[in-house]
């Protein structure tokens, strides 16, 4: 078994080490998945870091964070 995984991104295939899969986060607003380092922004809410794919999702979260946590 390979130590790399295949991900599809805009029609191309990227190979990333499996260890990066442990760094995948989900945007609590829209559900998009991203690597921690690729997040557009973050917010710490109730001691937990939330990761966002865009500033629009971050703004929506900040309007009522308890809806998403």
PDB file of N, CA and C in Angstrom:
ATOM      1  N   UNK A   1       0.845  -1.187   0.000  1.00  0.00           N
ATOM      2  CA  UNK A   1       0.000   0.000   0.000  1.00  0.00           C
ATOM      3  C   UNK A   1       0.885   1.243   0.000  1.00  0.00           C
ATOM      4  N   UNK A   2       0.527   2.189  -0.769  1.00  0.00           N
ATOM      5  CA  UNK A   2       1.299   3.420  -0.908  1.00  0.00           C
ATOM      6  C   UNK A   2       1.095   4.328   0.294  1.00  0.00           C
ATOM      7  N   UNK A   3       2.099   5.136   0.593  1.00  0.00           N
ATOM      8  CA  UNK A   3       1.958   6.103   1.678  1.00  0.00           C
ATOM      9  C   UNK A   3       1.470   7.448   1.147  1.00  0.00           C
ATOM     10  N   UNK A   4       0.967   7.452  -0.069  1.00  0.00           N
ATOM     11  CA  UNK A   4       0.443   8.680  -0.654  1.00  0.00           C
ATOM     12  C   UNK A   4      -1.037   8.491  -0.962  1.00  0.00           C
ATOM     13  N   UNK A   5      -1.771   9.568  -0.954  1.00  0.00           N
ATOM     14  CA  UNK A   5      -3.180   9.506  -1.306  1.00  0.00           C
ATOM     15  C   UNK A   5      -3.419  10.365  -2.528  1.00  0.00           C
ATOM     16  N   UNK A   6      -4.502  10.083  -3.191  1.00  0.00           N
ATOM     17  CA  UNK A   6      -4.855  10.799  -4.405  1.00  0.00           C
ATOM     18  C   UNK A   6      -5.989  11.766  -4.072  1.00  0.00           C
ATOM     19  N   UNK A   7      -5.873  13.008  -4.467  1.00  0.00           N
ATOM     20  CA  UNK A   7      -6.966  13.952  -4.303  1.00  0.00           C
ATOM     21  C   UNK A   7      -7.223  14.620  -5.643  1.00  0.00           C
ATOM     22  N   UNK A   8      -8.483  14.887  -5.919  1.00  0.00           N
ATOM     23  CA  UNK A   8      -8.845  15.575  -7.146  1.00  0.00           C
ATOM     24  C   UNK A   8      -9.039  17.041  -6.831  1.00  0.00           C
ATOM     25  N   UNK A   9      -8.456  17.889  -7.629  1.00  0.00           N
ATOM     26  CA  UNK A   9      -8.555  19.330  -7.405  1.00  0.00           C
ATOM     27  C   UNK A   9      -8.645  20.015  -8.757  1.00  0.00           C
ATOM     28  N   UNK A  10      -9.813  20.532  -9.082  1.00  0.00           N
ATOM     29  CA  UNK A  10     -10.025  21.281 -10.329  1.00  0.00           C
ATOM     30  C   UNK A  10      -9.552  20.496 -11.551  1.00  0.00           C
ATOM     31  N   UNK A  11      -9.886  19.202 -11.577  1.00  0.00           N
ATOM     32  CA  UNK A  11      -9.591  18.400 -12.740  1.00  0.00           C
ATOM     33  C   UNK A  11      -8.196  17.825 -12.804  1.00  0.00           C
ATOM     34  N   UNK A  12      -7.369  18.041 -11.818  1.00  0.00           N
ATOM     35  CA  UNK A  12      -6.041  17.433 -11.846  1.00  0.00           C
ATOM     36  C   UNK A  12      -5.881  16.553 -10.603  1.00  0.00           C
ATOM     37  N   UNK A  13      -4.959  15.636 -10.679  1.00  0.00           N
ATOM     38  CA  UNK A  13      -4.708  14.738  -9.560  1.00  0.00           C
ATOM     39  C   UNK A  13      -3.456  15.192  -8.848  1.00  0.00           C
ATOM     40  N   UNK A  14      -3.561  15.324  -7.542  1.00  0.00           N
ATOM     41  CA  UNK A  14      -2.408  15.657  -6.708  1.00  0.00           C
ATOM     42  C   UNK A  14      -2.127  14.473  -5.800  1.00  0.00           C
ATOM     43  N   UNK A  15      -0.875  14.253  -5.521  1.00  0.00           N
ATOM     44  CA  UNK A  15      -0.496  13.228  -4.569  1.00  0.00           C
ATOM     45  C   UNK A  15       0.057  13.920  -3.331  1.00  0.00           C
ATOM     46  N   UNK A  16      -0.519  13.581  -2.195  1.00  0.00           N
ATOM     47  CA  UNK A  16      -0.076  14.157  -0.930  1.00  0.00           C
ATOM     48  C   UNK A  16       0.150  13.024   0.061  1.00  0.00           C
ATOM     49  N   UNK A  17       1.165  13.146   0.908  1.00  0.00           N
ATOM     50  CA  UNK A  17       1.407  12.095   1.904  1.00  0.00           C
ATOM     51  C   UNK A  17       0.180  11.904   2.800  1.00  0.00           C
ATOM     52  N   UNK A  18      -0.056  10.673   3.212  1.00  0.00           N
ATOM     53  CA  UNK A  18      -1.192  10.378   4.079  1.00  0.00           C
ATOM     54  C   UNK A  18      -1.159  11.192   5.369  1.00  0.00           C
ATOM     55  N   UNK A  19       0.012  11.526   5.862  1.00  0.00           N
ATOM     56  CA  UNK A  19       0.092  12.296   7.106  1.00  0.00           C
ATOM     57  C   UNK A  19      -0.619  13.641   6.971  1.00  0.00           C
ATOM     58  N   UNK A  20      -0.703  14.171   5.758  1.00  0.00           N
ATOM     59  CA  UNK A  20      -1.422  15.431   5.556  1.00  0.00           C
ATOM     60  C   UNK A  20      -2.921  15.259   5.754  1.00  0.00           C
ATOM     61  N   UNK A  21      -3.428  14.047   5.545  1.00  0.00           N
ATOM     62  CA  UNK A  21      -4.851  13.813   5.726  1.00  0.00           C
ATOM     63  C   UNK A  21      -5.267  14.047   7.165  1.00  0.00           C
ATOM     64  N   UNK A  22      -4.344  13.924   8.084  1.00  0.00           N
ATOM     65  CA  UNK A  22      -4.642  14.181   9.488  1.00  0.00           C
ATOM     66  C   UNK A  22      -4.795  15.668   9.751  1.00  0.00           C
ATOM     67  N   UNK A  23      -4.418  16.506   8.805  1.00  0.00           N
ATOM     68  CA  UNK A  23      -4.513  17.947   8.955  1.00  0.00           C
ATOM     69  C   UNK A  23      -5.700  18.529   8.202  1.00  0.00           C
ATOM     70  N   UNK A  24      -6.595  17.685   7.724  1.00  0.00           N
ATOM     71  CA  UNK A  24      -7.768  18.149   6.991  1.00  0.00           C
ATOM     72  C   UNK A  24      -8.815  18.639   7.988  1.00  0.00           C
ATOM     73  N   UNK A  25      -9.337  19.805   7.711  1.00  0.00           N
ATOM     74  CA  UNK A  25     -10.382  20.409   8.539  1.00  0.00           C
ATOM     75  C   UNK A  25     -11.620  20.653   7.697  1.00  0.00           C
ATOM     76  N   UNK A  26     -12.742  20.826   8.360  1.00  0.00           N
ATOM     77  CA  UNK A  26     -14.010  21.071   7.692  1.00  0.00           C
ATOM     78  C   UNK A  26     -14.536  22.444   8.101  1.00  0.00           C
ATOM     79  N   UNK A  27     -14.925  23.242   7.121  1.00  0.00           N
ATOM     80  CA  UNK A  27     -15.534  24.549   7.381  1.00  0.00           C
ATOM     81  C   UNK A  27     -16.889  24.309   8.040  1.00  0.00           C
ATOM     82  N   UNK A  28     -17.133  24.850   9.236  1.00  0.00           N
ATOM     83  CA  UNK A  28     -18.395  24.575   9.927  1.00  0.00           C
ATOM     84  C   UNK A  28     -19.619  25.197   9.250  1.00  0.00           C
ATOM     85  N   UNK A  29     -19.416  26.164   8.384  1.00  0.00           N
ATOM     86  CA  UNK A  29     -20.542  26.833   7.726  1.00  0.00           C
ATOM     87  C   UNK A  29     -20.977  26.080   6.467  1.00  0.00           C
ATOM     88  N   UNK A  30     -20.047  25.847   5.553  1.00  0.00           N
ATOM     89  CA  UNK A  30     -20.414  25.243   4.265  1.00  0.00           C
ATOM     90  C   UNK A  30     -20.020  23.777   4.140  1.00  0.00           C
ATOM     91  N   UNK A  31     -19.172  23.290   5.058  1.00  0.00           N
ATOM     92  CA  UNK A  31     -18.762  21.891   5.020  1.00  0.00           C
ATOM     93  C   UNK A  31     -17.582  21.600   4.120  1.00  0.00           C
ATOM     94  N   UNK A  32     -17.002  22.624   3.497  1.00  0.00           N
ATOM     95  CA  UNK A  32     -15.835  22.406   2.625  1.00  0.00           C
ATOM     96  C   UNK A  32     -14.679  21.837   3.436  1.00  0.00           C
ATOM     97  N   UNK A  33     -13.898  20.962   2.809  1.00  0.00           N
ATOM     98  CA  UNK A  33     -12.727  20.382   3.451  1.00  0.00           C
ATOM     99  C   UNK A  33     -11.476  21.047   2.907  1.00  0.00           C
ATOM    100  N   UNK A  34     -10.515  21.266   3.787  1.00  0.00           N
ATOM    101  CA  UNK A  34      -9.259  21.904   3.398  1.00  0.00           C
ATOM    102  C   UNK A  34      -8.154  21.483   4.348  1.00  0.00           C
ATOM    103  N   UNK A  35      -6.931  21.621   3.890  1.00  0.00           N
ATOM    104  CA  UNK A  35      -5.798  21.445   4.789  1.00  0.00           C
ATOM    105  C   UNK A  35      -5.731  22.663   5.702  1.00  0.00           C
ATOM    106  N   UNK A  36      -5.290  22.461   6.913  1.00  0.00           N
ATOM    107  CA  UNK A  36      -5.198  23.579   7.868  1.00  0.00           C
ATOM    108  C   UNK A  36      -4.443  24.759   7.279  1.00  0.00           C
ATOM    109  N   UNK A  37      -3.344  24.480   6.609  1.00  0.00           N
ATOM    110  CA  UNK A  37      -2.515  25.550   6.046  1.00  0.00           C
ATOM    111  C   UNK A  37      -3.191  26.276   4.889  1.00  0.00           C
ATOM    112  N   UNK A  38      -4.208  25.667   4.293  1.00  0.00           N
ATOM    113  CA  UNK A  38      -4.900  26.276   3.155  1.00  0.00           C
ATOM    114  C   UNK A  38      -6.146  27.061   3.553  1.00  0.00           C
ATOM    115  N   UNK A  39      -6.489  27.055   4.829  1.00  0.00           N
ATOM    116  CA  UNK A  39      -7.690  27.765   5.281  1.00  0.00           C
ATOM    117  C   UNK A  39      -7.538  29.261   5.034  1.00  0.00           C
ATOM    118  N   UNK A  40      -8.636  29.890   4.597  1.00  0.00           N
ATOM    119  CA  UNK A  40      -8.626  31.327   4.339  1.00  0.00           C
ATOM    120  C   UNK A  40      -8.519  32.112   5.649  1.00  0.00           C
ATOM    121  N   UNK A  41      -9.138  31.587   6.712  1.00  0.00           N
ATOM    122  CA  UNK A  41      -9.054  32.235   8.019  1.00  0.00           C
ATOM    123  C   UNK A  41      -9.473  31.258   9.098  1.00  0.00           C
ATOM    124  N   UNK A  42      -9.238  31.652  10.334  1.00  0.00           N
ATOM    125  CA  UNK A  42      -9.609  30.838  11.488  1.00  0.00           C
ATOM    126  C   UNK A  42     -10.210  31.720  12.574  1.00  0.00           C
ATOM    127  N   UNK A  43     -10.967  31.079  13.452  1.00  0.00           N
ATOM    128  CA  UNK A  43     -11.532  31.739  14.624  1.00  0.00           C
ATOM    129  C   UNK A  43     -11.446  30.747  15.772  1.00  0.00           C
ATOM    130  N   UNK A  44     -11.047  31.208  16.947  1.00  0.00           N
ATOM    131  CA  UNK A  44     -11.084  30.361  18.133  1.00  0.00           C
ATOM    132  C   UNK A  44     -12.399  30.647  18.845  1.00  0.00           C
ATOM    133  N   UNK A  45     -13.204  29.594  19.003  1.00  0.00           N
ATOM    134  CA  UNK A  45     -14.514  29.711  19.658  1.00  0.00           C
ATOM    135  C   UNK A  45     -14.621  28.605  20.699  1.00  0.00           C
ATOM    136  N   UNK A  46     -14.903  28.986  21.928  1.00  0.00           N
ATOM    137  CA  UNK A  46     -14.994  28.025  23.039  1.00  0.00           C
ATOM    138  C   UNK A  46     -13.749  27.145  23.132  1.00  0.00           C
ATOM    139  N   UNK A  47     -12.590  27.749  22.887  1.00  0.00           N
ATOM    140  CA  UNK A  47     -11.322  27.033  23.017  1.00  0.00           C
ATOM    141  C   UNK A  47     -10.958  26.152  21.839  1.00  0.00           C
ATOM    142  N   UNK A  48     -11.770  26.117  20.786  1.00  0.00           N
ATOM    143  CA  UNK A  48     -11.462  25.298  19.621  1.00  0.00           C
ATOM    144  C   UNK A  48     -11.285  26.176  18.393  1.00  0.00           C
ATOM    145  N   UNK A  49     -10.267  25.857  17.613  1.00  0.00           N
ATOM    146  CA  UNK A  49     -10.025  26.608  16.387  1.00  0.00           C
ATOM    147  C   UNK A  49     -10.955  26.107  15.294  1.00  0.00           C
ATOM    148  N   UNK A  50     -11.665  27.034  14.673  1.00  0.00           N
ATOM    149  CA  UNK A  50     -12.537  26.740  13.537  1.00  0.00           C
ATOM    150  C   UNK A  50     -11.829  27.239  12.274  1.00  0.00           C
ATOM    151  N   UNK A  51     -11.873  26.448  11.221  1.00  0.00           N
ATOM    152  CA  UNK A  51     -11.189  26.762   9.968  1.00  0.00           C
ATOM    153  C   UNK A  51     -12.230  27.093   8.898  1.00  0.00           C
ATOM    154  N   UNK A  52     -11.931  28.107   8.077  1.00  0.00           N
ATOM    155  CA  UNK A  52     -12.888  28.569   7.077  1.00  0.00           C
ATOM    156  C   UNK A  52     -12.268  28.603   5.689  1.00  0.00           C
ATOM    157  N   UNK A  53     -13.104  28.297   4.702  1.00  0.00           N
ATOM    158  CA  UNK A  53     -12.644  28.297   3.311  1.00  0.00           C
ATOM    159  C   UNK A  53     -12.655  29.702   2.725  1.00  0.00           C
ATOM    160  N   UNK A  54     -13.418  30.622   3.338  1.00  0.00           N
ATOM    161  CA  UNK A  54     -13.521  31.974   2.794  1.00  0.00           C
ATOM    162  C   UNK A  54     -13.868  32.961   3.902  1.00  0.00           C
ATOM    163  N   UNK A  55     -13.662  34.229   3.602  1.00  0.00           N
ATOM    164  CA  UNK A  55     -14.029  35.271   4.565  1.00  0.00           C
ATOM    165  C   UNK A  55     -15.551  35.352   4.717  1.00  0.00           C
ATOM    166  N   UNK A  56     -16.290  34.979   3.678  1.00  0.00           N
ATOM    167  CA  UNK A  56     -17.758  34.988   3.757  1.00  0.00           C
ATOM    168  C   UNK A  56     -18.247  33.950   4.766  1.00  0.00           C
ATOM    169  N   UNK A  57     -17.669  32.758   4.764  1.00  0.00           N
ATOM    170  CA  UNK A  57     -18.053  31.735   5.736  1.00  0.00           C
ATOM    171  C   UNK A  57     -17.670  32.167   7.148  1.00  0.00           C
ATOM    172  N   UNK A  58     -16.510  32.784   7.297  1.00  0.00           N
ATOM    173  CA  UNK A  58     -16.086  33.279   8.608  1.00  0.00           C
ATOM    174  C   UNK A  58     -17.073  34.324   9.121  1.00  0.00           C
ATOM    175  N   UNK A  59     -17.475  35.250   8.264  1.00  0.00           N
ATOM    176  CA  UNK A  59     -18.409  36.311   8.663  1.00  0.00           C
ATOM    177  C   UNK A  59     -19.758  35.719   9.068  1.00  0.00           C
ATOM    178  N   UNK A  60     -20.231  34.732   8.319  1.00  0.00           N
ATOM    179  CA  UNK A  60     -21.502  34.095   8.647  1.00  0.00           C
ATOM    180  C   UNK A  60     -21.404  33.379   9.995  1.00  0.00           C
ATOM    181  N   UNK A  61     -20.289  32.708  10.240  1.00  0.00           N
ATOM    182  CA  UNK A  61     -20.061  32.023  11.508  1.00  0.00           C
ATOM    183  C   UNK A  61     -20.101  33.020  12.671  1.00  0.00           C
ATOM    184  N   UNK A  62     -19.427  34.143  12.506  1.00  0.00           N
ATOM    185  CA  UNK A  62     -19.337  35.126  13.578  1.00  0.00           C
ATOM    186  C   UNK A  62     -20.679  35.769  13.927  1.00  0.00           C
ATOM    187  N   UNK A  63     -21.633  35.730  13.003  1.00  0.00           N
ATOM    188  CA  UNK A  63     -22.969  36.266  13.288  1.00  0.00           C
ATOM    189  C   UNK A  63     -23.669  35.438  14.373  1.00  0.00           C
ATOM    190  N   UNK A  64     -23.439  34.133  14.391  1.00  0.00           N
ATOM    191  CA  UNK A  64     -24.068  33.252  15.393  1.00  0.00           C
ATOM    192  C   UNK A  64     -23.268  31.959  15.517  1.00  0.00           C
ATOM    193  N   UNK A  65     -22.115  32.004  16.185  1.00  0.00           N
ATOM    194  CA  UNK A  65     -21.224  30.840  16.235  1.00  0.00           C
ATOM    195  C   UNK A  65     -21.861  29.592  16.837  1.00  0.00           C
ATOM    196  N   UNK A  66     -22.744  29.750  17.810  1.00  0.00           N
ATOM    197  CA  UNK A  66     -23.319  28.569  18.461  1.00  0.00           C
ATOM    198  C   UNK A  66     -24.209  27.766  17.520  1.00  0.00           C
ATOM    199  N   UNK A  67     -24.658  28.349  16.434  1.00  0.00           N
ATOM    200  CA  UNK A  67     -25.442  27.624  15.437  1.00  0.00           C
ATOM    201  C   UNK A  67     -24.592  26.561  14.765  1.00  0.00           C
ATOM    202  N   UNK A  68     -23.289  26.802  14.647  1.00  0.00           N
ATOM    203  CA  UNK A  68     -22.399  25.917  13.886  1.00  0.00           C
ATOM    204  C   UNK A  68     -21.546  25.008  14.746  1.00  0.00           C
ATOM    205  N   UNK A  69     -21.569  25.184  16.040  1.00  0.00           N
ATOM    206  CA  UNK A  69     -20.727  24.353  16.921  1.00  0.00           C
ATOM    207  C   UNK A  69     -21.552  23.422  17.780  1.00  0.00           C
TER     208      UNK A  69
END
